[in-house]
Amino acid sequence: MLTQVARAQACWGGVHSLIDRWLGQRLSLLESFDALQSLGDSDLEHIDRVALDRFGEELTDYVSLGHFELYPKLYEECQLFGDQDGLDAGHQLLANLDPSTQLVLDFNDAYANEAAFNANQRQLPGWLARLERGLQERFELEDALIARLHAVHTQTPQDASSTP
């Protein structure tokens, strides 16, 4: 997944400060995820609760930045360019993100406080495996969303309206 982040940064980095910030959060999220994932089943009793909480916060922040800041900006850009096909494609891609968003919410609920952490501690490897699959799919969908709703709009709105 880290390779995928590097590829996205190379493709869209520097294009838009919000995309840069979002990709930076993705990288930080993946570093925290890798640190948690490196724990084996035998290390469950030694899980750093602070690291798990930080990961949960980074996960929530990342998903929130996408849903509440980045995606709306991409939609505004599509509207500015009069790109109805892009808007329709974006709505479909966003709908496909719903399962991974729900997975993130469920994970945070499972480890939200000390009691929940204690009750679900042994299930952490399974959660991490599901999150890995969910995040991988999410990143692919988000990259497709950016490509469709941002990267295709390389002309100024005036140029786009004069293109046949």
Protein backbone atom coordinates (compact mmCIF):
# COMPACT_ATOMS: atom_id res chain seq x y z
CA MET A 1 0.00 0.00 0.00
CA LEU A 2 2.91 2.37 0.61
CA THR A 3 3.89 2.00 -3.06
CA GLN A 4 0.37 3.03 -4.02
CA VAL A 5 0.70 6.21 -1.90
CA ALA A 6 4.03 7.06 -3.54
CA ARG A 7 2.45 6.57 -6.97
CA ALA A 8 -0.48 8.84 -6.05
CA GLN A 9 1.87 11.50 -4.67
CA ALA A 10 3.93 11.39 -7.86
CA CYS A 11 0.77 11.73 -9.96
CA TRP A 12 -1.13 14.42 -8.01
CA GLY A 13 1.34 15.81 -5.46
CA GLY A 14 1.83 19.53 -5.75
CA VAL A 15 -1.29 19.91 -7.90
CA HIS A 16 -3.56 20.93 -5.08
CA SER A 17 -2.67 21.62 -1.44
CA LEU A 18 -5.74 19.74 -0.18
CA ILE A 19 -4.75 16.63 -2.16
CA ASP A 20 -1.20 16.97 -0.81
CA ARG A 21 -2.49 17.16 2.77
CA TRP A 22 -4.78 14.21 2.22
CA LEU A 23 -2.01 12.07 0.69
CA GLY A 24 0.26 13.04 3.60
CA GLN A 25 -2.42 11.81 5.99
CA ARG A 26 -2.69 8.60 3.98
CA LEU A 27 1.04 8.02 4.35
CA SER A 28 0.97 8.71 8.09
CA LEU A 29 -2.03 6.40 8.45
CA LEU A 30 -0.22 3.60 6.64
CA GLU A 31 2.89 4.01 8.78
CA SER A 32 0.78 3.67 11.93
CA PHE A 33 -1.05 0.72 10.40
CA ASP A 34 2.21 -1.03 9.53
CA ALA A 35 3.45 -0.56 13.10
CA LEU A 36 0.29 -2.21 14.48
CA GLN A 37 0.27 -4.92 11.86
CA SER A 38 3.84 -5.91 12.70
CA LEU A 39 2.62 -7.25 16.03
CA GLY A 40 2.13 -10.99 15.99
CA ASP A 41 -0.67 -12.82 17.77
CA SER A 42 1.70 -13.54 20.64
CA ASP A 43 2.24 -9.80 21.16
CA LEU A 44 -1.43 -9.00 21.76
CA GLU A 45 -0.88 -8.48 25.46
CA HIS A 46 1.83 -5.94 24.67
CA ILE A 47 -0.22 -3.79 22.31
CA ASP A 48 0.55 -0.15 22.84
CA ARG A 49 -2.89 1.30 23.54
CA VAL A 50 -1.60 4.79 22.74
CA ALA A 51 -0.46 3.63 19.27
CA LEU A 52 -3.82 1.94 18.68
CA ASP A 53 -5.67 5.10 19.72
CA ARG A 54 -3.43 7.23 17.47
CA PHE A 55 -4.11 4.90 14.57
CA GLY A 56 -7.85 5.11 15.21
CA GLU A 57 -7.66 8.91 15.24
CA GLU A 58 -5.59 8.99 12.04
CA LEU A 59 -8.03 6.61 10.38
CA THR A 60 -11.00 8.78 11.33
CA ASP A 61 -9.21 11.98 10.33
CA TYR A 62 -8.26 10.53 6.96
CA VAL A 63 -11.78 9.35 6.13
CA SER A 64 -13.26 12.63 7.40
CA LEU A 65 -10.89 14.77 5.33
CA GLY A 66 -11.94 12.85 2.24
CA HIS A 67 -15.67 12.96 2.89
CA PHE A 68 -15.99 16.48 4.24
CA GLU A 69 -13.27 18.42 2.42
CA LEU A 70 -11.69 16.68 -0.56
CA TYR A 71 -14.67 15.03 -2.24
CA PRO A 72 -16.82 18.20 -2.05
CA LYS A 73 -13.97 20.22 -3.61
CA LEU A 74 -13.66 17.68 -6.42
CA TYR A 75 -17.41 17.93 -7.04
CA GLU A 76 -17.18 21.72 -7.13
CA GLU A 77 -14.45 21.39 -9.74
CA CYS A 78 -16.65 19.09 -11.85
CA GLN A 79 -19.51 21.54 -11.61
CA LEU A 80 -17.22 24.40 -12.63
CA PHE A 81 -16.25 22.43 -15.73
CA GLY A 82 -19.83 21.36 -16.42
CA ASP A 83 -18.71 17.72 -16.22
CA GLN A 84 -21.96 15.83 -15.60
CA ASP A 85 -20.37 12.51 -16.57
CA GLY A 86 -17.69 13.16 -13.96
CA LEU A 87 -20.32 13.96 -11.34
CA ASP A 88 -22.20 10.76 -12.14
CA ALA A 89 -18.99 8.70 -12.02
CA GLY A 90 -18.02 10.39 -8.76
CA HIS A 91 -21.35 9.52 -7.14
CA GLN A 92 -20.86 5.87 -8.10
CA LEU A 93 -17.29 5.82 -6.79
CA LEU A 94 -18.40 7.42 -3.52
CA ALA A 95 -21.14 4.83 -3.12
CA ASN A 96 -18.47 2.15 -3.51
CA LEU A 97 -16.53 3.75 -0.62
CA ASP A 98 -19.41 3.18 1.82
CA PRO A 99 -18.35 -0.36 2.90
CA SER A 100 -14.84 0.76 3.85
CA THR A 101 -16.23 3.81 5.65
CA GLN A 102 -18.50 1.53 7.67
CA LEU A 103 -15.54 -0.75 8.42
CA VAL A 104 -13.62 2.23 9.81
CA LEU A 105 -16.57 3.23 12.00
CA ASP A 106 -16.99 -0.34 13.26
CA PHE A 107 -13.27 -0.61 14.04
CA ASN A 108 -13.35 2.63 16.01
CA ASP A 109 -16.39 1.41 17.95
CA ALA A 110 -14.63 -1.88 18.72
CA TYR A 111 -11.66 -0.07 20.29
CA ALA A 112 -13.26 3.21 21.40
CA ASN A 113 -12.53 2.93 25.12
CA GLU A 114 -10.74 0.72 27.62
CA ALA A 115 -13.68 -1.65 28.11
CA ALA A 116 -14.17 -2.09 24.36
CA PHE A 117 -10.42 -2.53 23.89
CA ASN A 118 -10.27 -5.24 26.56
CA ALA A 119 -13.30 -7.02 25.10
CA ASN A 120 -11.92 -6.97 21.55
CA GLN A 121 -8.18 -7.20 22.08
CA ARG A 122 -7.87 -10.77 20.80
CA GLN A 123 -9.77 -9.89 17.61
CA LEU A 124 -7.26 -7.20 16.64
CA PRO A 125 -5.37 -9.33 14.07
CA GLY A 126 -8.65 -10.10 12.30
CA TRP A 127 -9.62 -6.44 12.37
CA LEU A 128 -6.26 -5.44 10.93
CA ALA A 129 -6.59 -7.99 8.12
CA ARG A 130 -10.08 -6.65 7.24
CA LEU A 131 -8.83 -3.08 7.44
CA GLU A 132 -5.93 -3.89 5.13
CA ARG A 133 -8.30 -5.21 2.48
CA GLY A 134 -10.76 -2.36 3.03
CA LEU A 135 -8.10 0.34 2.90
CA GLN A 136 -6.51 -1.13 -0.21
CA GLU A 137 -9.86 -1.05 -1.98
CA ARG A 138 -10.60 2.43 -0.61
CA PHE A 139 -7.28 3.84 -1.85
CA GLU A 140 -7.89 2.43 -5.33
CA LEU A 141 -11.38 3.95 -5.43
CA GLU A 142 -10.15 7.29 -4.09
CA ASP A 143 -7.34 7.39 -6.64
CA ALA A 144 -9.90 6.68 -9.38
CA LEU A 145 -12.10 9.43 -7.96
CA ILE A 146 -9.27 11.96 -8.04
CA ALA A 147 -8.26 10.88 -11.53
CA ARG A 148 -11.82 11.21 -12.78
CA LEU A 149 -12.85 14.37 -10.96
CA HIS A 150 -9.60 16.31 -10.87
CA ALA A 151 -6.90 15.10 -13.23
CA VAL A 152 -9.17 15.22 -16.29
CA HIS A 153 -9.81 18.92 -15.70
CA THR A 154 -6.49 20.27 -16.89
CA GLN A 155 -7.95 23.09 -18.95
CA THR A 156 -9.29 26.31 -17.50
CA PRO A 157 -13.11 26.44 -17.40
CA GLN A 158 -13.12 28.92 -20.32
CA ASP A 159 -10.93 26.54 -22.41
CA ALA A 160 -13.18 23.61 -21.55
CA SER A 161 -16.28 25.44 -22.75
CA SER A 162 -14.66 26.23 -26.09
CA THR A 163 -13.50 22.62 -26.66
CA PRO A 164 -15.74 20.77 -29.19
